[in-house]
C-alpha atoms as a PDB file:
ATOM      1  CA  LEU A   1      -4.988  24.157   9.041  1.00  0.00           C
ATOM      2  CA  LEU A   2      -5.403  26.165   6.175  1.00  0.00           C
ATOM      3  CA  THR A   3      -5.603  29.724   8.055  1.00  0.00           C
ATOM      4  CA  GLN A   4      -2.789  28.513  10.723  1.00  0.00           C
ATOM      5  CA  GLY A   5       0.029  27.491   7.444  1.00  0.00           C
ATOM      6  CA  LYS A   6      -0.249  23.526   8.652  1.00  0.00           C
ATOM      7  CA  LEU A   7      -1.940  22.013   6.343  1.00  0.00           C
ATOM      8  CA  TYR A   8       0.406  20.896   3.502  1.00  0.00           C
ATOM      9  CA  GLN A   9       2.734  19.631   6.650  1.00  0.00           C
ATOM     10  CA  HIS A  10      -0.741  18.190   8.042  1.00  0.00           C
ATOM     11  CA  CYS A  11      -1.065  16.615   4.069  1.00  0.00           C
ATOM     12  CA  ALA A  12       2.861  15.649   3.404  1.00  0.00           C
ATOM     13  CA  GLU A  13       2.612  13.660   7.513  1.00  0.00           C
ATOM     14  CA  ILE A  14      -0.257  11.831   6.056  1.00  0.00           C
ATOM     15  CA  ASP A  15       0.853  10.884   2.860  1.00  0.00           C
ATOM     16  CA  THR A  16       4.212   9.723   4.421  1.00  0.00           C
ATOM     17  CA  GLN A  17       2.223   7.389   7.297  1.00  0.00           C
ATOM     18  CA  ALA A  18       0.230   5.972   4.251  1.00  0.00           C
ATOM     19  CA  GLN A  19       2.926   5.038   1.641  1.00  0.00           C
ATOM     20  CA  GLN A  20       4.780   3.599   4.738  1.00  0.00           C
ATOM     21  CA  MET A  21       1.640   1.625   5.465  1.00  0.00           C
ATOM     22  CA  PHE A  22       1.279   0.705   1.867  1.00  0.00           C
ATOM     23  CA  ASN A  23       4.346  -0.856   1.450  1.00  0.00           C
ATOM     24  CA  THR A  24       4.392  -2.643   4.908  1.00  0.00           C
ATOM     25  CA  LEU A  25       0.926  -3.902   4.146  1.00  0.00           C
ATOM     26  CA  VAL A  26       2.308  -5.032   0.701  1.00  0.00           C
ATOM     27  CA  SER A  27       4.877  -6.732   2.062  1.00  0.00           C
ATOM     28  CA  GLN A  28       3.454  -9.038   4.952  1.00  0.00           C
ATOM     29  CA  MET A  29       0.760  -9.606   2.124  1.00  0.00           C
ATOM     30  CA  THR A  30       3.223 -10.999  -0.459  1.00  0.00           C
ATOM     31  CA  LYS A  31       5.361 -13.189   2.275  1.00  0.00           C
ATOM     32  CA  SER A  32       1.957 -14.940   3.630  1.00  0.00           C
ATOM     33  CA  GLU A  33       0.514 -15.505   0.541  1.00  0.00           C
ATOM     34  CA  ASN A  34       4.338 -16.960  -0.684  1.00  0.00           C
ATOM     35  CA  ILE A  35       4.422 -14.860  -3.975  1.00  0.00           C
ATOM     36  CA  THR A  36       7.881 -15.024  -4.564  1.00  0.00           C
ATOM     37  CA  GLU A  37      10.640 -14.472  -7.613  1.00  0.00           C
ATOM     38  CA  GLN A  38       9.974 -18.023  -8.359  1.00  0.00           C
ATOM     39  CA  LEU A  39       6.573 -17.619  -9.217  1.00  0.00           C
ATOM     40  CA  LYS A  40       7.084 -14.266 -11.336  1.00  0.00           C
ATOM     41  CA  ALA A  41       9.953 -16.237 -13.337  1.00  0.00           C
ATOM     42  CA  LYS A  42       7.546 -19.463 -13.570  1.00  0.00           C
ATOM     43  CA  ASN A  43       4.350 -17.703 -14.471  1.00  0.00           C
ATOM     44  CA  GLN A  44       4.579 -14.074 -14.954  1.00  0.00           C
ATOM     45  CA  LEU A  45       0.875 -13.145 -15.675  1.00  0.00           C
ATOM     46  CA  GLU A  46      -0.559 -15.134 -12.335  1.00  0.00           C
ATOM     47  CA  TRP A  47       2.049 -12.949 -10.626  1.00  0.00           C
ATOM     48  CA  VAL A  48       0.646  -9.715 -11.404  1.00  0.00           C
ATOM     49  CA  GLN A  49      -2.779 -10.748 -10.869  1.00  0.00           C
ATOM     50  CA  ARG A  50      -2.029 -11.837  -7.567  1.00  0.00           C
ATOM     51  CA  MET A  51       0.670  -8.811  -7.086  1.00  0.00           C
ATOM     52  CA  GLN A  52      -2.458  -6.012  -8.524  1.00  0.00           C
ATOM     53  CA  ASN A  53      -4.870  -8.001  -5.961  1.00  0.00           C
ATOM     54  CA  ILE A  54      -2.940  -7.349  -3.023  1.00  0.00           C
ATOM     55  CA  GLU A  55      -1.890  -4.066  -4.043  1.00  0.00           C
ATOM     56  CA  ALA A  56      -5.663  -3.252  -4.452  1.00  0.00           C
ATOM     57  CA  ARG A  57      -6.782  -4.398  -0.285  1.00  0.00           C
ATOM     58  CA  ALA A  58      -3.519  -2.564   0.574  1.00  0.00           C
ATOM     59  CA  ARG A  59      -4.806   0.722  -0.804  1.00  0.00           C
ATOM     60  CA  GLU A  60      -8.441  -0.063   0.039  1.00  0.00           C
ATOM     61  CA  ILE A  61      -6.606  -0.573   4.273  1.00  0.00           C
ATOM     62  CA  VAL A  62      -4.838   2.275   3.974  1.00  0.00           C
ATOM     63  CA  CYS A  63      -7.306   4.695   2.534  1.00  0.00           C
ATOM     64  CA  HIS A  64      -9.924   3.388   4.966  1.00  0.00           C
ATOM     65  CA  ASP A  65      -7.728   3.637   8.470  1.00  0.00           C
ATOM     66  CA  ILE A  66      -5.727   6.653   7.145  1.00  0.00           C
ATOM     67  CA  ILE A  67      -7.182   8.678   4.368  1.00  0.00           C
ATOM     68  CA  PHE A  68     -10.999   8.542   4.983  1.00  0.00           C
ATOM     69  CA  LYS A  69     -10.402   8.179   8.866  1.00  0.00           C
END
């Protein structure tokens, strides 16, 4: 890809796919685990912990399915 001049384009496409998949996964997990703005207002520490957990799991899935494929 580097010698063909397509490496940057390929990396940009992978980055876009990874970001879209990450955002979708976080949104789906947030809804399925009932993490709401009410929880954020009621108990910020729990909300942060749960969101960080979701983001870590989503990153792991994205890396497994797209990055390290």
